[in-house]
Amino acid sequence: MKMKGWLVTALVGAGAVYALRGGCVNSTAPDEELADHFEELCEIASSNIDTPKKGVKKLGRYMARHLDDILGDFGSTIITIEKISDDKKHDERARLARDRMQRPWIDCANDWQSFWMAVDEDPEASEIATRAADRLGRTFEIIFNSKDVDLRHLPDAFLSKKLD
């Protein structure tokens, strides 16, 4: 499974756990909170195009502090939408969530790309980013005992055939 698939699986799983534990009391819609996180990530990238190593480290620190919130907000967004029984209202709410979550990425797409091009051109920054991505991939592979995990077989993924 590609990194995108792993992230979607992790986001949905974490969101479900977050929702089951009751989330937190917050009057802001979870997709708005998620968009705020995306804006923060974009700001870090935009501010560090000329300092990619510093930017990669800042992104890492931000994710370490906020990934639980990001995953929870994503899961809460999905649950908020899925609780709507009327199909028309459901679809309207899903579109609103999509628009809110896409806006920060649309607004900073050029800076985001410029930042990652700068990372690719900086050996130290590139090494830090690659190591983090590799470690995350190994974490998912260890937890799910496979590189090929989908939601249909998620419970099976947690049942280890062998214990390390």
N, C-alpha and C. Protein backbone atom coordinates (compact mmCIF):
# COMPACT_ATOMS: atom_id res chain seq x y z
N MET A 1 0.85 -1.17 0.00
CA MET A 1 0.00 0.00 0.00
C MET A 1 0.89 1.22 0.00
N LYS A 2 0.53 2.20 -0.76
CA LYS A 2 1.30 3.43 -0.86
C LYS A 2 1.06 4.28 0.39
N MET A 3 1.94 5.27 0.58
CA MET A 3 1.87 6.13 1.76
C MET A 3 0.49 6.78 1.89
N LYS A 4 -0.11 7.18 0.78
CA LYS A 4 -1.43 7.81 0.82
C LYS A 4 -2.45 6.84 1.42
N GLY A 5 -2.38 5.59 1.03
CA GLY A 5 -3.30 4.59 1.57
C GLY A 5 -3.11 4.38 3.06
N TRP A 6 -1.85 4.35 3.48
CA TRP A 6 -1.56 4.22 4.90
C TRP A 6 -2.13 5.40 5.67
N LEU A 7 -1.92 6.59 5.15
CA LEU A 7 -2.40 7.78 5.84
C LEU A 7 -3.91 7.81 5.95
N VAL A 8 -4.59 7.44 4.88
CA VAL A 8 -6.06 7.40 4.92
C VAL A 8 -6.52 6.39 5.95
N THR A 9 -5.90 5.20 5.95
CA THR A 9 -6.27 4.18 6.92
C THR A 9 -6.04 4.67 8.34
N ALA A 10 -4.90 5.30 8.56
CA ALA A 10 -4.59 5.81 9.89
C ALA A 10 -5.54 6.94 10.30
N LEU A 11 -5.85 7.82 9.35
CA LEU A 11 -6.75 8.93 9.65
C LEU A 11 -8.14 8.45 10.03
N VAL A 12 -8.65 7.50 9.28
CA VAL A 12 -9.99 6.99 9.57
C VAL A 12 -10.01 6.26 10.91
N GLY A 13 -9.00 5.44 11.14
CA GLY A 13 -8.92 4.71 12.41
C GLY A 13 -8.80 5.65 13.60
N ALA A 14 -7.90 6.61 13.51
CA ALA A 14 -7.72 7.56 14.60
C ALA A 14 -8.96 8.41 14.82
N GLY A 15 -9.60 8.78 13.75
CA GLY A 15 -10.83 9.56 13.87
C GLY A 15 -11.93 8.80 14.57
N ALA A 16 -12.03 7.51 14.25
CA ALA A 16 -13.04 6.68 14.89
C ALA A 16 -12.77 6.57 16.39
N VAL A 17 -11.52 6.35 16.77
CA VAL A 17 -11.16 6.28 18.18
C VAL A 17 -11.45 7.61 18.87
N TYR A 18 -11.07 8.69 18.22
CA TYR A 18 -11.31 10.02 18.78
C TYR A 18 -12.80 10.23 19.02
N ALA A 19 -13.61 9.88 18.06
CA ALA A 19 -15.05 10.09 18.19
C ALA A 19 -15.64 9.20 19.28
N LEU A 20 -15.17 7.96 19.36
CA LEU A 20 -15.69 7.04 20.37
C LEU A 20 -15.38 7.50 21.78
N ARG A 21 -14.25 8.18 21.95
CA ARG A 21 -13.91 8.65 23.29
C ARG A 21 -14.57 9.99 23.60
N GLY A 22 -15.35 10.51 22.65
CA GLY A 22 -16.11 11.71 22.92
C GLY A 22 -15.52 12.98 22.37
N GLY A 23 -14.34 12.91 21.79
CA GLY A 23 -13.74 14.12 21.23
C GLY A 23 -13.54 15.15 22.31
N CYS A 24 -13.62 16.38 21.95
CA CYS A 24 -13.53 17.45 22.94
C CYS A 24 -14.66 18.43 22.68
N VAL A 25 -14.97 19.19 23.67
CA VAL A 25 -16.02 20.17 23.52
C VAL A 25 -15.44 21.35 22.76
N ASN A 26 -15.98 21.59 21.58
CA ASN A 26 -15.44 22.65 20.73
C ASN A 26 -16.57 23.11 19.82
N SER A 27 -16.78 24.39 19.75
CA SER A 27 -17.88 24.90 18.94
C SER A 27 -17.47 25.07 17.48
N THR A 28 -16.18 24.96 17.17
CA THR A 28 -15.72 25.09 15.80
C THR A 28 -15.87 23.75 15.10
N ALA A 29 -16.35 23.78 13.88
CA ALA A 29 -16.51 22.54 13.11
C ALA A 29 -15.16 21.87 12.94
N PRO A 30 -15.10 20.54 13.00
CA PRO A 30 -13.81 19.85 12.92
C PRO A 30 -13.09 20.09 11.59
N ASP A 31 -13.83 20.28 10.50
CA ASP A 31 -13.16 20.54 9.23
C ASP A 31 -12.53 21.94 9.22
N GLU A 32 -13.10 22.86 9.97
CA GLU A 32 -12.47 24.18 10.11
C GLU A 32 -11.20 24.08 10.94
N GLU A 33 -11.23 23.27 11.98
CA GLU A 33 -10.03 23.04 12.79
C GLU A 33 -8.94 22.39 11.93
N LEU A 34 -9.34 21.44 11.12
CA LEU A 34 -8.39 20.76 10.23
C LEU A 34 -7.78 21.74 9.24
N ALA A 35 -8.61 22.60 8.69
CA ALA A 35 -8.11 23.62 7.77
C ALA A 35 -7.11 24.55 8.46
N ASP A 36 -7.36 24.85 9.73
CA ASP A 36 -6.42 25.67 10.49
C ASP A 36 -5.05 24.99 10.60
N HIS A 37 -5.06 23.68 10.83
CA HIS A 37 -3.79 22.93 10.87
C HIS A 37 -3.10 22.98 9.52
N PHE A 38 -3.87 22.81 8.46
CA PHE A 38 -3.28 22.85 7.12
C PHE A 38 -2.66 24.23 6.85
N GLU A 39 -3.33 25.28 7.30
CA GLU A 39 -2.78 26.63 7.15
C GLU A 39 -1.46 26.77 7.90
N GLU A 40 -1.39 26.19 9.09
CA GLU A 40 -0.15 26.24 9.87
C GLU A 40 0.97 25.51 9.15
N LEU A 41 0.67 24.33 8.59
CA LEU A 41 1.67 23.58 7.84
C LEU A 41 2.16 24.37 6.64
N CYS A 42 1.22 25.00 5.96
CA CYS A 42 1.58 25.81 4.80
C CYS A 42 2.43 27.00 5.21
N GLU A 43 2.12 27.60 6.32
CA GLU A 43 2.90 28.74 6.80
C GLU A 43 4.33 28.32 7.11
N ILE A 44 4.49 27.17 7.71
CA ILE A 44 5.84 26.68 8.00
C ILE A 44 6.61 26.49 6.70
N ALA A 45 5.98 25.84 5.72
CA ALA A 45 6.65 25.63 4.44
C ALA A 45 6.96 26.96 3.75
N SER A 46 5.99 27.84 3.69
CA SER A 46 6.17 29.14 3.03
C SER A 46 7.30 29.95 3.66
N SER A 47 7.42 29.86 4.97
CA SER A 47 8.43 30.64 5.69
C SER A 47 9.82 30.02 5.61
N ASN A 48 9.91 28.81 5.08
CA ASN A 48 11.20 28.11 5.11
C ASN A 48 11.67 27.63 3.74
N ILE A 49 11.21 28.27 2.69
CA ILE A 49 11.68 27.91 1.35
C ILE A 49 13.19 28.12 1.25
N ASP A 50 13.69 29.17 1.87
CA ASP A 50 15.13 29.45 1.83
C ASP A 50 15.91 28.72 2.92
N THR A 51 15.20 28.09 3.85
CA THR A 51 15.84 27.34 4.94
C THR A 51 15.18 25.97 5.07
N PRO A 52 15.34 25.11 4.07
CA PRO A 52 14.60 23.84 4.04
C PRO A 52 14.89 22.91 5.22
N LYS A 53 16.12 22.86 5.67
CA LYS A 53 16.44 21.99 6.82
C LYS A 53 15.65 22.45 8.05
N LYS A 54 15.68 23.74 8.30
CA LYS A 54 14.93 24.32 9.42
C LYS A 54 13.43 24.03 9.24
N GLY A 55 12.93 24.16 8.00
CA GLY A 55 11.52 23.92 7.73
C GLY A 55 11.11 22.48 7.96
N VAL A 56 11.93 21.53 7.53
CA VAL A 56 11.62 20.11 7.74
C VAL A 56 11.55 19.83 9.24
N LYS A 57 12.49 20.37 9.99
CA LYS A 57 12.48 20.17 11.44
C LYS A 57 11.24 20.79 12.08
N LYS A 58 10.88 22.00 11.61
CA LYS A 58 9.67 22.65 12.14
C LYS A 58 8.41 21.85 11.81
N LEU A 59 8.34 21.34 10.58
CA LEU A 59 7.19 20.51 10.21
C LEU A 59 7.12 19.27 11.09
N GLY A 60 8.27 18.66 11.34
CA GLY A 60 8.31 17.49 12.21
C GLY A 60 7.83 17.80 13.61
N ARG A 61 8.30 18.91 14.16
CA ARG A 61 7.87 19.30 15.51
C ARG A 61 6.37 19.60 15.54
N TYR A 62 5.89 20.27 14.49
CA TYR A 62 4.46 20.59 14.44
C TYR A 62 3.64 19.30 14.41
N MET A 63 4.05 18.36 13.56
CA MET A 63 3.31 17.10 13.46
C MET A 63 3.38 16.31 14.76
N ALA A 64 4.53 16.34 15.43
CA ALA A 64 4.65 15.64 16.71
C ALA A 64 3.70 16.22 17.75
N ARG A 65 3.49 17.52 17.72
CA ARG A 65 2.59 18.17 18.68
C ARG A 65 1.12 18.07 18.29
N HIS A 66 0.84 17.98 16.98
CA HIS A 66 -0.55 18.15 16.55
C HIS A 66 -1.15 17.01 15.74
N LEU A 67 -0.39 15.95 15.44
CA LEU A 67 -0.96 14.90 14.60
C LEU A 67 -2.18 14.26 15.24
N ASP A 68 -2.17 14.11 16.56
CA ASP A 68 -3.34 13.55 17.21
C ASP A 68 -4.57 14.43 16.99
N ASP A 69 -4.39 15.73 17.03
CA ASP A 69 -5.51 16.65 16.77
C ASP A 69 -5.95 16.59 15.31
N ILE A 70 -4.97 16.53 14.41
CA ILE A 70 -5.28 16.47 12.98
C ILE A 70 -6.07 15.21 12.66
N LEU A 71 -5.60 14.07 13.16
CA LEU A 71 -6.32 12.81 12.92
C LEU A 71 -7.70 12.83 13.55
N GLY A 72 -7.79 13.39 14.74
CA GLY A 72 -9.09 13.48 15.41
C GLY A 72 -10.05 14.39 14.67
N ASP A 73 -9.55 15.52 14.19
CA ASP A 73 -10.40 16.44 13.44
C ASP A 73 -10.88 15.81 12.13
N PHE A 74 -9.99 15.06 11.49
CA PHE A 74 -10.40 14.39 10.25
C PHE A 74 -11.48 13.35 10.55
N GLY A 75 -11.25 12.54 11.55
CA GLY A 75 -12.26 11.54 11.93
C GLY A 75 -13.57 12.17 12.35
N SER A 76 -13.49 13.25 13.10
CA SER A 76 -14.72 13.94 13.53
C SER A 76 -15.45 14.54 12.34
N THR A 77 -14.71 15.01 11.35
CA THR A 77 -15.35 15.52 10.14
C THR A 77 -16.13 14.42 9.45
N ILE A 78 -15.51 13.27 9.30
CA ILE A 78 -16.18 12.13 8.65
C ILE A 78 -17.43 11.74 9.44
N ILE A 79 -17.30 11.65 10.74
CA ILE A 79 -18.44 11.26 11.57
C ILE A 79 -19.54 12.30 11.53
N THR A 80 -19.17 13.57 11.56
CA THR A 80 -20.16 14.65 11.46
C THR A 80 -20.98 14.50 10.19
N ILE A 81 -20.30 14.21 9.10
CA ILE A 81 -20.98 14.06 7.81
C ILE A 81 -21.84 12.81 7.79
N GLU A 82 -21.29 11.70 8.27
CA GLU A 82 -22.00 10.43 8.18
C GLU A 82 -23.21 10.34 9.11
N LYS A 83 -23.28 11.18 10.10
CA LYS A 83 -24.44 11.21 10.99
C LYS A 83 -25.66 11.85 10.34
N ILE A 84 -25.46 12.53 9.23
CA ILE A 84 -26.57 13.21 8.55
C ILE A 84 -27.33 12.18 7.72
N SER A 85 -28.58 11.95 8.07
CA SER A 85 -29.35 10.89 7.40
C SER A 85 -29.89 11.32 6.03
N ASP A 86 -30.20 12.57 5.86
CA ASP A 86 -30.71 13.06 4.59
C ASP A 86 -29.56 13.10 3.57
N ASP A 87 -29.70 12.39 2.47
CA ASP A 87 -28.63 12.28 1.49
C ASP A 87 -28.21 13.63 0.91
N LYS A 88 -29.18 14.48 0.63
CA LYS A 88 -28.85 15.78 0.06
C LYS A 88 -28.03 16.62 1.04
N LYS A 89 -28.48 16.66 2.30
CA LYS A 89 -27.76 17.41 3.32
C LYS A 89 -26.39 16.79 3.60
N HIS A 90 -26.34 15.46 3.57
CA HIS A 90 -25.08 14.75 3.75
C HIS A 90 -24.07 15.19 2.70
N ASP A 91 -24.50 15.17 1.44
CA ASP A 91 -23.60 15.53 0.33
C ASP A 91 -23.20 17.00 0.40
N GLU A 92 -24.14 17.86 0.78
CA GLU A 92 -23.81 19.28 0.91
C GLU A 92 -22.76 19.49 2.00
N ARG A 93 -22.91 18.78 3.11
CA ARG A 93 -21.95 18.92 4.23
C ARG A 93 -20.58 18.37 3.82
N ALA A 94 -20.58 17.28 3.08
CA ALA A 94 -19.32 16.71 2.60
C ALA A 94 -18.61 17.70 1.66
N ARG A 95 -19.37 18.33 0.80
CA ARG A 95 -18.77 19.31 -0.12
C ARG A 95 -18.21 20.51 0.65
N LEU A 96 -18.93 20.95 1.68
CA LEU A 96 -18.45 22.05 2.51
C LEU A 96 -17.13 21.66 3.18
N ALA A 97 -17.08 20.46 3.73
CA ALA A 97 -15.86 19.98 4.37
C ALA A 97 -14.71 19.92 3.36
N ARG A 98 -14.98 19.40 2.18
CA ARG A 98 -13.96 19.33 1.13
C ARG A 98 -13.44 20.72 0.81
N ASP A 99 -14.35 21.66 0.63
CA ASP A 99 -13.94 23.02 0.28
C ASP A 99 -13.10 23.65 1.39
N ARG A 100 -13.52 23.45 2.63
CA ARG A 100 -12.77 24.01 3.75
C ARG A 100 -11.37 23.40 3.84
N MET A 101 -11.27 22.09 3.64
CA MET A 101 -9.98 21.43 3.76
C MET A 101 -9.08 21.70 2.57
N GLN A 102 -9.65 21.92 1.41
CA GLN A 102 -8.85 22.19 0.21
C GLN A 102 -8.32 23.61 0.15
N ARG A 103 -9.06 24.55 0.70
CA ARG A 103 -8.71 25.96 0.57
C ARG A 103 -7.27 26.26 0.99
N PRO A 104 -6.81 25.81 2.16
CA PRO A 104 -5.43 26.14 2.54
C PRO A 104 -4.41 25.58 1.55
N TRP A 105 -4.66 24.39 1.03
CA TRP A 105 -3.71 23.77 0.10
C TRP A 105 -3.73 24.49 -1.24
N ILE A 106 -4.90 24.93 -1.66
CA ILE A 106 -4.99 25.69 -2.91
C ILE A 106 -4.23 27.01 -2.76
N ASP A 107 -4.45 27.66 -1.62
CA ASP A 107 -3.81 28.96 -1.38
C ASP A 107 -2.29 28.88 -1.31
N CYS A 108 -1.75 27.75 -0.88
CA CYS A 108 -0.30 27.69 -0.70
C CYS A 108 0.37 26.66 -1.61
N ALA A 109 -0.32 26.19 -2.62
CA ALA A 109 0.21 25.13 -3.48
C ALA A 109 1.59 25.48 -4.04
N ASN A 110 1.77 26.69 -4.51
CA ASN A 110 3.06 27.07 -5.09
C ASN A 110 4.17 27.09 -4.05
N ASP A 111 3.89 27.67 -2.89
CA ASP A 111 4.89 27.70 -1.83
C ASP A 111 5.21 26.29 -1.33
N TRP A 112 4.17 25.45 -1.22
CA TRP A 112 4.38 24.07 -0.76
C TRP A 112 5.32 23.34 -1.72
N GLN A 113 5.06 23.48 -3.01
CA GLN A 113 5.91 22.84 -4.02
C GLN A 113 7.33 23.43 -3.98
N SER A 114 7.43 24.73 -3.86
CA SER A 114 8.75 25.37 -3.80
C SER A 114 9.53 24.88 -2.59
N PHE A 115 8.85 24.75 -1.46
CA PHE A 115 9.52 24.26 -0.26
C PHE A 115 10.07 22.85 -0.48
N TRP A 116 9.24 21.95 -1.02
CA TRP A 116 9.70 20.57 -1.19
C TRP A 116 10.76 20.45 -2.28
N MET A 117 10.74 21.33 -3.25
CA MET A 117 11.84 21.35 -4.23
C MET A 117 13.13 21.78 -3.54
N ALA A 118 13.02 22.76 -2.64
CA ALA A 118 14.20 23.20 -1.89
C ALA A 118 14.71 22.07 -0.98
N VAL A 119 13.79 21.32 -0.40
CA VAL A 119 14.19 20.17 0.43
C VAL A 119 14.95 19.16 -0.42
N ASP A 120 14.42 18.86 -1.59
CA ASP A 120 15.09 17.90 -2.49
C ASP A 120 16.49 18.35 -2.88
N GLU A 121 16.69 19.65 -2.97
CA GLU A 121 17.99 20.20 -3.38
C GLU A 121 18.97 20.35 -2.22
N ASP A 122 18.49 20.20 -1.00
CA ASP A 122 19.34 20.33 0.18
C ASP A 122 19.58 18.93 0.75
N PRO A 123 20.80 18.40 0.67
CA PRO A 123 21.06 17.03 1.11
C PRO A 123 20.67 16.76 2.56
N GLU A 124 20.95 17.70 3.45
CA GLU A 124 20.60 17.48 4.86
C GLU A 124 19.09 17.46 5.07
N ALA A 125 18.40 18.41 4.48
CA ALA A 125 16.94 18.47 4.62
C ALA A 125 16.31 17.23 3.99
N SER A 126 16.80 16.84 2.84
CA SER A 126 16.27 15.68 2.14
C SER A 126 16.47 14.41 2.98
N GLU A 127 17.62 14.28 3.59
CA GLU A 127 17.91 13.11 4.43
C GLU A 127 16.96 13.05 5.63
N ILE A 128 16.73 14.18 6.27
CA ILE A 128 15.82 14.23 7.42
C ILE A 128 14.41 13.82 6.99
N ALA A 129 13.92 14.38 5.88
CA ALA A 129 12.58 14.10 5.40
C ALA A 129 12.44 12.63 4.98
N THR A 130 13.44 12.11 4.29
CA THR A 130 13.40 10.71 3.84
C THR A 130 13.42 9.76 5.03
N ARG A 131 14.26 10.04 5.99
CA ARG A 131 14.32 9.18 7.18
C ARG A 131 12.98 9.17 7.90
N ALA A 132 12.36 10.32 8.05
CA ALA A 132 11.06 10.39 8.73
C ALA A 132 10.00 9.59 7.97
N ALA A 133 9.97 9.73 6.67
CA ALA A 133 8.98 8.99 5.86
C ALA A 133 9.23 7.49 5.93
N ASP A 134 10.49 7.09 5.88
CA ASP A 134 10.82 5.66 5.97
C ASP A 134 10.42 5.09 7.33
N ARG A 135 10.71 5.83 8.38
CA ARG A 135 10.34 5.36 9.72
C ARG A 135 8.83 5.23 9.87
N LEU A 136 8.10 6.21 9.36
CA LEU A 136 6.64 6.14 9.43
C LEU A 136 6.13 4.92 8.66
N GLY A 137 6.69 4.69 7.49
CA GLY A 137 6.30 3.52 6.71
C GLY A 137 6.58 2.22 7.47
N ARG A 138 7.73 2.14 8.13
CA ARG A 138 8.05 0.95 8.93
C ARG A 138 7.08 0.80 10.10
N THR A 139 6.72 1.92 10.72
CA THR A 139 5.77 1.87 11.82
C THR A 139 4.45 1.25 11.36
N PHE A 140 3.93 1.74 10.23
CA PHE A 140 2.68 1.18 9.71
C PHE A 140 2.84 -0.30 9.36
N GLU A 141 3.96 -0.65 8.76
CA GLU A 141 4.18 -2.03 8.37
C GLU A 141 4.24 -2.94 9.60
N ILE A 142 4.91 -2.50 10.65
CA ILE A 142 4.99 -3.29 11.88
C ILE A 142 3.63 -3.41 12.54
N ILE A 143 2.92 -2.30 12.66
CA ILE A 143 1.61 -2.33 13.33
C ILE A 143 0.62 -3.20 12.57
N PHE A 144 0.60 -3.07 11.25
CA PHE A 144 -0.39 -3.78 10.45
C PHE A 144 0.13 -5.10 9.87
N ASN A 145 1.38 -5.47 10.17
CA ASN A 145 1.96 -6.72 9.69
C ASN A 145 1.93 -6.87 8.19
N SER A 146 1.87 -5.78 7.48
CA SER A 146 1.77 -5.87 6.03
C SER A 146 1.95 -4.49 5.43
N LYS A 147 2.32 -4.49 4.16
CA LYS A 147 2.33 -3.25 3.41
C LYS A 147 0.99 -3.04 2.72
N ASP A 148 0.16 -4.06 2.70
CA ASP A 148 -1.12 -4.03 1.99
C ASP A 148 -2.27 -4.13 2.99
N VAL A 149 -2.73 -2.98 3.47
CA VAL A 149 -3.82 -2.94 4.44
C VAL A 149 -4.94 -2.09 3.86
N ASP A 150 -6.16 -2.59 3.97
CA ASP A 150 -7.31 -1.78 3.59
C ASP A 150 -8.34 -1.87 4.71
N LEU A 151 -9.30 -0.98 4.67
CA LEU A 151 -10.29 -0.91 5.76
C LEU A 151 -11.10 -2.19 5.90
N ARG A 152 -11.35 -2.86 4.79
CA ARG A 152 -12.14 -4.09 4.83
C ARG A 152 -11.47 -5.15 5.70
N HIS A 153 -10.15 -5.14 5.71
CA HIS A 153 -9.38 -6.14 6.45
C HIS A 153 -8.62 -5.54 7.63
N LEU A 154 -9.03 -4.37 8.08
CA LEU A 154 -8.32 -3.69 9.15
C LEU A 154 -8.22 -4.54 10.42
N PRO A 155 -9.30 -5.18 10.89
CA PRO A 155 -9.15 -6.01 12.10
C PRO A 155 -8.11 -7.11 11.91
N ASP A 156 -8.07 -7.72 10.74
CA ASP A 156 -7.09 -8.77 10.47
C ASP A 156 -5.67 -8.22 10.53
N ALA A 157 -5.51 -6.97 10.17
CA ALA A 157 -4.18 -6.37 10.15
C ALA A 157 -3.58 -6.29 11.55
N PHE A 158 -4.43 -6.21 12.57
CA PHE A 158 -3.93 -6.13 13.93
C PHE A 158 -3.66 -7.49 14.53
N LEU A 159 -4.14 -8.54 13.88
CA LEU A 159 -3.92 -9.89 14.39
C LEU A 159 -2.61 -10.41 13.82
N SER A 160 -1.63 -10.43 14.66
CA SER A 160 -0.29 -10.82 14.22
C SER A 160 -0.21 -12.32 14.02
N LYS A 161 0.40 -12.70 12.93
CA LYS A 161 0.64 -14.12 12.66
C LYS A 161 1.83 -14.59 13.49
N LYS A 162 2.72 -13.65 13.77
CA LYS A 162 3.87 -13.96 14.63
C LYS A 162 4.12 -12.75 15.51
N LEU A 163 4.59 -12.97 16.67
CA LEU A 163 4.93 -11.89 17.59
C LEU A 163 6.42 -11.69 17.55
N ASP A 164 6.82 -10.45 17.42
CA ASP A 164 8.26 -10.14 17.39
C ASP A 164 8.83 -10.14 18.79
